[in-house]
Amino acid sequence: MSTNVSDVVVTRVALDAVKKRKNSEKIEVTIVERINADWIVRGTCPIDLEGHPWAERFEVIVDPRGKVKSVDFSLL
């Protein structure tokens, strides 16, 4: 990837990272923003907690080259 990726590419990279970890197709991206050189993608995805549907928030940090630096999840 080039060193100057677009928000569309960053969103795709983040979605792929969340899909791999959570095995879910219903992922909603709410914010894509650039802070300094890194991109931060935030959103929600559904999870099943002991038979009850719940939402989980995620934050993916992507570097300027399009590589995932970190992925964090937290319950809403």
PDB file of N, CA and C in Angstrom:
ATOM      1  N   MET A   1       0.832  -1.183   0.000  1.00  0.00           N
ATOM      2  CA  MET A   1       0.000   0.000   0.000  1.00  0.00           C
ATOM      3  C   MET A   1       0.875   1.245   0.000  1.00  0.00           C
ATOM      4  N   SER A   2       0.323   2.291  -0.472  1.00  0.00           N
ATOM      5  CA  SER A   2       1.073   3.541  -0.468  1.00  0.00           C
ATOM      6  C   SER A   2       1.115   4.112   0.942  1.00  0.00           C
ATOM      7  N   THR A   3       1.935   5.114   1.129  1.00  0.00           N
ATOM      8  CA  THR A   3       2.059   5.707   2.455  1.00  0.00           C
ATOM      9  C   THR A   3       0.970   6.736   2.728  1.00  0.00           C
ATOM     10  N   ASN A   4       0.115   6.976   1.773  1.00  0.00           N
ATOM     11  CA  ASN A   4      -0.945   7.965   1.946  1.00  0.00           C
ATOM     12  C   ASN A   4      -2.285   7.322   1.569  1.00  0.00           C
ATOM     13  N   VAL A   5      -2.827   6.496   2.477  1.00  0.00           N
ATOM     14  CA  VAL A   5      -4.066   5.783   2.183  1.00  0.00           C
ATOM     15  C   VAL A   5      -5.279   6.679   2.417  1.00  0.00           C
ATOM     16  N   SER A   6      -6.371   6.343   1.755  1.00  0.00           N
ATOM     17  CA  SER A   6      -7.601   7.131   1.877  1.00  0.00           C
ATOM     18  C   SER A   6      -8.477   6.574   2.999  1.00  0.00           C
ATOM     19  N   ASP A   7      -9.507   7.328   3.358  1.00  0.00           N
ATOM     20  CA  ASP A   7     -10.432   6.873   4.391  1.00  0.00           C
ATOM     21  C   ASP A   7     -11.201   5.629   3.951  1.00  0.00           C
ATOM     22  N   VAL A   8     -11.426   5.470   2.662  1.00  0.00           N
ATOM     23  CA  VAL A   8     -12.118   4.285   2.145  1.00  0.00           C
ATOM     24  C   VAL A   8     -11.264   3.035   2.361  1.00  0.00           C
ATOM     25  N   VAL A   9      -9.981   3.130   2.060  1.00  0.00           N
ATOM     26  CA  VAL A   9      -9.065   2.006   2.247  1.00  0.00           C
ATOM     27  C   VAL A   9      -8.933   1.676   3.731  1.00  0.00           C
ATOM     28  N   VAL A  10      -8.816   2.700   4.556  1.00  0.00           N
ATOM     29  CA  VAL A  10      -8.683   2.499   5.999  1.00  0.00           C
ATOM     30  C   VAL A  10      -9.933   1.825   6.563  1.00  0.00           C
ATOM     31  N   THR A  11     -11.102   2.231   6.106  1.00  0.00           N
ATOM     32  CA  THR A  11     -12.346   1.620   6.561  1.00  0.00           C
ATOM     33  C   THR A  11     -12.389   0.147   6.192  1.00  0.00           C
ATOM     34  N   ARG A  12     -11.990  -0.182   4.987  1.00  0.00           N
ATOM     35  CA  ARG A  12     -11.969  -1.586   4.539  1.00  0.00           C
ATOM     36  C   ARG A  12     -11.010  -2.417   5.394  1.00  0.00           C
ATOM     37  N   VAL A  13      -9.831  -1.887   5.675  1.00  0.00           N
ATOM     38  CA  VAL A  13      -8.836  -2.579   6.504  1.00  0.00           C
ATOM     39  C   VAL A  13      -9.406  -2.817   7.903  1.00  0.00           C
ATOM     40  N   ALA A  14     -10.042  -1.805   8.481  1.00  0.00           N
ATOM     41  CA  ALA A  14     -10.619  -1.930   9.820  1.00  0.00           C
ATOM     42  C   ALA A  14     -11.760  -2.950   9.842  1.00  0.00           C
ATOM     43  N   LEU A  15     -12.631  -2.904   8.838  1.00  0.00           N
ATOM     44  CA  LEU A  15     -13.733  -3.866   8.768  1.00  0.00           C
ATOM     45  C   LEU A  15     -13.214  -5.297   8.673  1.00  0.00           C
ATOM     46  N   ASP A  16     -12.196  -5.508   7.872  1.00  0.00           N
ATOM     47  CA  ASP A  16     -11.610  -6.842   7.752  1.00  0.00           C
ATOM     48  C   ASP A  16     -11.040  -7.324   9.087  1.00  0.00           C
ATOM     49  N   ALA A  17     -10.394  -6.432   9.833  1.00  0.00           N
ATOM     50  CA  ALA A  17      -9.822  -6.795  11.134  1.00  0.00           C
ATOM     51  C   ALA A  17     -10.911  -7.175  12.124  1.00  0.00           C
ATOM     52  N   VAL A  18     -12.003  -6.417  12.152  1.00  0.00           N
ATOM     53  CA  VAL A  18     -13.108  -6.712  13.073  1.00  0.00           C
ATOM     54  C   VAL A  18     -13.800  -8.010  12.663  1.00  0.00           C
ATOM     55  N   LYS A  19     -14.018  -8.216  11.366  1.00  0.00           N
ATOM     56  CA  LYS A  19     -14.662  -9.439  10.890  1.00  0.00           C
ATOM     57  C   LYS A  19     -13.862 -10.672  11.278  1.00  0.00           C
ATOM     58  N   LYS A  20     -12.541 -10.604  11.180  1.00  0.00           N
ATOM     59  CA  LYS A  20     -11.693 -11.743  11.543  1.00  0.00           C
ATOM     60  C   LYS A  20     -11.801 -12.064  13.023  1.00  0.00           C
ATOM     61  N   ARG A  21     -11.863 -11.038  13.846  1.00  0.00           N
ATOM     62  CA  ARG A  21     -11.893 -11.259  15.303  1.00  0.00           C
ATOM     63  C   ARG A  21     -13.270 -11.648  15.817  1.00  0.00           C
ATOM     64  N   LYS A  22     -14.323 -11.089  15.253  1.00  0.00           N
ATOM     65  CA  LYS A  22     -15.668 -11.290  15.783  1.00  0.00           C
ATOM     66  C   LYS A  22     -16.551 -12.177  14.922  1.00  0.00           C
ATOM     67  N   ASN A  23     -16.104 -12.545  13.741  1.00  0.00           N
ATOM     68  CA  ASN A  23     -16.869 -13.411  12.851  1.00  0.00           C
ATOM     69  C   ASN A  23     -18.300 -12.885  12.657  1.00  0.00           C
ATOM     70  N   SER A  24     -18.408 -11.604  12.344  1.00  0.00           N
ATOM     71  CA  SER A  24     -19.706 -10.963  12.171  1.00  0.00           C
ATOM     72  C   SER A  24     -19.713 -10.160  10.878  1.00  0.00           C
ATOM     73  N   GLU A  25     -20.860 -10.144  10.228  1.00  0.00           N
ATOM     74  CA  GLU A  25     -21.016  -9.366   9.003  1.00  0.00           C
ATOM     75  C   GLU A  25     -21.752  -8.050   9.249  1.00  0.00           C
ATOM     76  N   LYS A  26     -22.401  -7.907  10.408  1.00  0.00           N
ATOM     77  CA  LYS A  26     -23.199  -6.716  10.712  1.00  0.00           C
ATOM     78  C   LYS A  26     -22.370  -5.701  11.496  1.00  0.00           C
ATOM     79  N   ILE A  27     -21.417  -5.124  10.845  1.00  0.00           N
ATOM     80  CA  ILE A  27     -20.527  -4.165  11.493  1.00  0.00           C
ATOM     81  C   ILE A  27     -20.885  -2.771  11.013  1.00  0.00           C
ATOM     82  N   GLU A  28     -21.059  -1.872  11.966  1.00  0.00           N
ATOM     83  CA  GLU A  28     -21.405  -0.492  11.625  1.00  0.00           C
ATOM     84  C   GLU A  28     -20.259   0.433  11.997  1.00  0.00           C
ATOM     85  N   VAL A  29     -19.751   1.159  11.016  1.00  0.00           N
ATOM     86  CA  VAL A  29     -18.709   2.147  11.250  1.00  0.00           C
ATOM     87  C   VAL A  29     -19.392   3.484  11.529  1.00  0.00           C
ATOM     88  N   THR A  30     -19.017   4.128  12.625  1.00  0.00           N
ATOM     89  CA  THR A  30     -19.638   5.405  12.975  1.00  0.00           C
ATOM     90  C   THR A  30     -18.704   6.589  12.747  1.00  0.00           C
ATOM     91  N   ILE A  31     -17.403   6.387  12.958  1.00  0.00           N
ATOM     92  CA  ILE A  31     -16.448   7.495  12.823  1.00  0.00           C
ATOM     93  C   ILE A  31     -15.158   6.989  12.170  1.00  0.00           C
ATOM     94  N   VAL A  32     -14.683   7.739  11.195  1.00  0.00           N
ATOM     95  CA  VAL A  32     -13.364   7.520  10.616  1.00  0.00           C
ATOM     96  C   VAL A  32     -12.656   8.869  10.690  1.00  0.00           C
ATOM     97  N   GLU A  33     -11.587   8.924  11.460  1.00  0.00           N
ATOM     98  CA  GLU A  33     -10.889  10.201  11.606  1.00  0.00           C
ATOM     99  C   GLU A  33      -9.386   9.992  11.588  1.00  0.00           C
ATOM    100  N   ARG A  34      -8.714  11.034  11.193  1.00  0.00           N
ATOM    101  CA  ARG A  34      -7.253  11.000  11.147  1.00  0.00           C
ATOM    102  C   ARG A  34      -6.723  11.849  12.291  1.00  0.00           C
ATOM    103  N   ILE A  35      -5.898  11.238  13.112  1.00  0.00           N
ATOM    104  CA  ILE A  35      -5.264  11.944  14.224  1.00  0.00           C
ATOM    105  C   ILE A  35      -3.761  11.774  14.049  1.00  0.00           C
ATOM    106  N   ASN A  36      -3.106  12.911  13.876  1.00  0.00           N
ATOM    107  CA  ASN A  36      -1.680  12.926  13.522  1.00  0.00           C
ATOM    108  C   ASN A  36      -1.501  12.114  12.244  1.00  0.00           C
ATOM    109  N   ALA A  37      -0.697  11.086  12.255  1.00  0.00           N
ATOM    110  CA  ALA A  37      -0.486  10.297  11.038  1.00  0.00           C
ATOM    111  C   ALA A  37      -1.401   9.082  10.978  1.00  0.00           C
ATOM    112  N   ASP A  38      -1.954   8.668  12.116  1.00  0.00           N
ATOM    113  CA  ASP A  38      -2.765   7.455  12.173  1.00  0.00           C
ATOM    114  C   ASP A  38      -4.238   7.732  11.888  1.00  0.00           C
ATOM    115  N   TRP A  39      -4.930   6.684  11.479  1.00  0.00           N
ATOM    116  CA  TRP A  39      -6.373   6.728  11.280  1.00  0.00           C
ATOM    117  C   TRP A  39      -7.030   5.960  12.414  1.00  0.00           C
ATOM    118  N   ILE A  40      -8.166   6.449  12.898  1.00  0.00           N
ATOM    119  CA  ILE A  40      -8.933   5.757  13.919  1.00  0.00           C
ATOM    120  C   ILE A  40     -10.332   5.508  13.363  1.00  0.00           C
ATOM    121  N   VAL A  41     -10.740   4.241  13.408  1.00  0.00           N
ATOM    122  CA  VAL A  41     -12.057   3.835  12.925  1.00  0.00           C
ATOM    123  C   VAL A  41     -12.823   3.300  14.127  1.00  0.00           C
ATOM    124  N   ARG A  42     -14.004   3.875  14.379  1.00  0.00           N
ATOM    125  CA  ARG A  42     -14.834   3.449  15.503  1.00  0.00           C
ATOM    126  C   ARG A  42     -16.195   3.013  14.995  1.00  0.00           C
ATOM    127  N   GLY A  43     -16.792   2.085  15.740  1.00  0.00           N
ATOM    128  CA  GLY A  43     -18.120   1.618  15.377  1.00  0.00           C
ATOM    129  C   GLY A  43     -18.617   0.580  16.348  1.00  0.00           C
ATOM    130  N   THR A  44     -19.647  -0.171  15.929  1.00  0.00           N
ATOM    131  CA  THR A  44     -20.237  -1.213  16.760  1.00  0.00           C
ATOM    132  C   THR A  44     -20.443  -2.489  15.956  1.00  0.00           C
ATOM    133  N   CYS A  45     -20.515  -3.592  16.692  1.00  0.00           N
ATOM    134  CA  CYS A  45     -20.837  -4.877  16.083  1.00  0.00           C
ATOM    135  C   CYS A  45     -21.642  -5.684  17.096  1.00  0.00           C
ATOM    136  N   PRO A  46     -22.539  -6.563  16.636  1.00  0.00           N
ATOM    137  CA  PRO A  46     -23.352  -7.352  17.558  1.00  0.00           C
ATOM    138  C   PRO A  46     -22.555  -8.538  18.113  1.00  0.00           C
ATOM    139  N   ILE A  47     -22.864  -8.902  19.357  1.00  0.00           N
ATOM    140  CA  ILE A  47     -22.311 -10.114  19.941  1.00  0.00           C
ATOM    141  C   ILE A  47     -23.434 -10.840  20.666  1.00  0.00           C
ATOM    142  N   ASP A  48     -23.185 -12.088  21.030  1.00  0.00           N
ATOM    143  CA  ASP A  48     -24.158 -12.896  21.761  1.00  0.00           C
ATOM    144  C   ASP A  48     -23.583 -13.178  23.144  1.00  0.00           C
ATOM    145  N   LEU A  49     -24.229 -12.619  24.171  1.00  0.00           N
ATOM    146  CA  LEU A  49     -23.801 -12.858  25.550  1.00  0.00           C
ATOM    147  C   LEU A  49     -24.772 -13.835  26.207  1.00  0.00           C
ATOM    148  N   GLU A  50     -24.374 -15.085  26.262  1.00  0.00           N
ATOM    149  CA  GLU A  50     -25.179 -16.136  26.885  1.00  0.00           C
ATOM    150  C   GLU A  50     -26.613 -16.149  26.367  1.00  0.00           C
ATOM    151  N   GLY A  51     -26.761 -16.067  25.070  1.00  0.00           N
ATOM    152  CA  GLY A  51     -28.070 -16.133  24.443  1.00  0.00           C
ATOM    153  C   GLY A  51     -28.792 -14.806  24.286  1.00  0.00           C
ATOM    154  N   HIS A  52     -28.181 -13.724  24.744  1.00  0.00           N
ATOM    155  CA  HIS A  52     -28.790 -12.405  24.638  1.00  0.00           C
ATOM    156  C   HIS A  52     -27.995 -11.540  23.671  1.00  0.00           C
ATOM    157  N   PRO A  53     -28.664 -10.926  22.695  1.00  0.00           N
ATOM    158  CA  PRO A  53     -27.945 -10.049  21.762  1.00  0.00           C
ATOM    159  C   PRO A  53     -27.483  -8.774  22.473  1.00  0.00           C
ATOM    160  N   TRP A  54     -26.295  -8.346  22.150  1.00  0.00           N
ATOM    161  CA  TRP A  54     -25.716  -7.164  22.772  1.00  0.00           C
ATOM    162  C   TRP A  54     -24.865  -6.460  21.732  1.00  0.00           C
ATOM    163  N   ALA A  55     -24.547  -5.211  21.973  1.00  0.00           N
ATOM    164  CA  ALA A  55     -23.681  -4.471  21.056  1.00  0.00           C
ATOM    165  C   ALA A  55     -22.313  -4.265  21.707  1.00  0.00           C
ATOM    166  N   GLU A  56     -21.311  -4.355  20.889  1.00  0.00           N
ATOM    167  CA  GLU A  56     -19.947  -4.136  21.349  1.00  0.00           C
ATOM    168  C   GLU A  56     -19.330  -3.015  20.523  1.00  0.00           C
ATOM    169  N   ARG A  57     -18.651  -2.116  21.179  1.00  0.00           N
ATOM    170  CA  ARG A  57     -17.991  -0.999  20.509  1.00  0.00           C
ATOM    171  C   ARG A  57     -16.565  -1.434  20.155  1.00  0.00           C
ATOM    172  N   PHE A  58     -16.079  -0.956  18.998  1.00  0.00           N
ATOM    173  CA  PHE A  58     -14.700  -1.253  18.620  1.00  0.00           C
ATOM    174  C   PHE A  58     -13.974   0.021  18.208  1.00  0.00           C
ATOM    175  N   GLU A  59     -12.665  -0.046  18.324  1.00  0.00           N
ATOM    176  CA  GLU A  59     -11.794   1.028  17.847  1.00  0.00           C
ATOM    177  C   GLU A  59     -10.583   0.368  17.200  1.00  0.00           C
ATOM    178  N   VAL A  60     -10.359   0.700  15.941  1.00  0.00           N
ATOM    179  CA  VAL A  60      -9.225   0.159  15.193  1.00  0.00           C
ATOM    180  C   VAL A  60      -8.315   1.324  14.828  1.00  0.00           C
ATOM    181  N   ILE A  61      -7.032   1.182  15.139  1.00  0.00           N
ATOM    182  CA  ILE A  61      -6.049   2.195  14.767  1.00  0.00           C
ATOM    183  C   ILE A  61      -5.227   1.632  13.614  1.00  0.00           C
ATOM    184  N   VAL A  62      -5.198   2.400  12.524  1.00  0.00           N
ATOM    185  CA  VAL A  62      -4.503   1.994  11.302  1.00  0.00           C
ATOM    186  C   VAL A  62      -3.403   3.009  11.020  1.00  0.00           C
ATOM    187  N   ASP A  63      -2.209   2.514  10.704  1.00  0.00           N
ATOM    188  CA  ASP A  63      -1.092   3.421  10.431  1.00  0.00           C
ATOM    189  C   ASP A  63      -1.186   4.012   9.030  1.00  0.00           C
ATOM    190  N   PRO A  64      -0.339   4.987   8.691  1.00  0.00           N
ATOM    191  CA  PRO A  64      -0.419   5.653   7.383  1.00  0.00           C
ATOM    192  C   PRO A  64      -0.202   4.730   6.184  1.00  0.00           C
ATOM    193  N   ARG A  65       0.366   3.559   6.424  1.00  0.00           N
ATOM    194  CA  ARG A  65       0.596   2.606   5.329  1.00  0.00           C
ATOM    195  C   ARG A  65      -0.554   1.629   5.150  1.00  0.00           C
ATOM    196  N   GLY A  66      -1.552   1.712   6.035  1.00  0.00           N
ATOM    197  CA  GLY A  66      -2.709   0.835   5.909  1.00  0.00           C
ATOM    198  C   GLY A  66      -2.620  -0.433   6.716  1.00  0.00           C
ATOM    199  N   LYS A  67      -1.731  -0.488   7.698  1.00  0.00           N
ATOM    200  CA  LYS A  67      -1.600  -1.674   8.541  1.00  0.00           C
ATOM    201  C   LYS A  67      -2.247  -1.413   9.894  1.00  0.00           C
ATOM    202  N   VAL A  68      -2.902  -2.430  10.430  1.00  0.00           N
ATOM    203  CA  VAL A  68      -3.576  -2.309  11.717  1.00  0.00           C
ATOM    204  C   VAL A  68      -2.545  -2.265  12.831  1.00  0.00           C
ATOM    205  N   LYS A  69      -2.622  -1.220  13.657  1.00  0.00           N
ATOM    206  CA  LYS A  69      -1.742  -1.088  14.820  1.00  0.00           C
ATOM    207  C   LYS A  69      -2.371  -1.720  16.053  1.00  0.00           C
ATOM    208  N   SER A  70      -3.682  -1.509  16.230  1.00  0.00           N
ATOM    209  CA  SER A  70      -4.372  -2.096  17.382  1.00  0.00           C
ATOM    210  C   SER A  70      -5.861  -2.191  17.118  1.00  0.00           C
ATOM    211  N   VAL A  71      -6.490  -3.112  17.834  1.00  0.00           N
ATOM    212  CA  VAL A  71      -7.947  -3.289  17.794  1.00  0.00           C
ATOM    213  C   VAL A  71      -8.414  -3.450  19.227  1.00  0.00           C
ATOM    214  N   ASP A  72      -9.348  -2.612  19.658  1.00  0.00           N
ATOM    215  CA  ASP A  72      -9.886  -2.690  21.012  1.00  0.00           C
ATOM    216  C   ASP A  72     -11.390  -2.827  20.956  1.00  0.00           C
ATOM    217  N   PHE A  73     -11.933  -3.648  21.863  1.00  0.00           N
ATOM    218  CA  PHE A  73     -13.377  -3.875  21.970  1.00  0.00           C
ATOM    219  C   PHE A  73     -13.829  -3.562  23.380  1.00  0.00           C
ATOM    220  N   SER A  74     -15.055  -3.049  23.516  1.00  0.00           N
ATOM    221  CA  SER A  74     -15.658  -2.836  24.836  1.00  0.00           C
ATOM    222  C   SER A  74     -17.163  -2.920  24.712  1.00  0.00           C
ATOM    223  N   LEU A  75     -17.812  -3.432  25.756  1.00  0.00           N
ATOM    224  CA  LEU A  75     -19.265  -3.533  25.755  1.00  0.00           C
ATOM    225  C   LEU A  75     -19.892  -2.160  25.908  1.00  0.00           C
ATOM    226  N   LEU A  76     -21.027  -1.978  25.268  1.00  0.00           N
ATOM    227  CA  LEU A  76     -21.762  -0.719  25.401  1.00  0.00           C
ATOM    228  C   LEU A  76     -22.575  -0.720  26.674  1.00  0.00           C
TER     229      LEU A  76
END
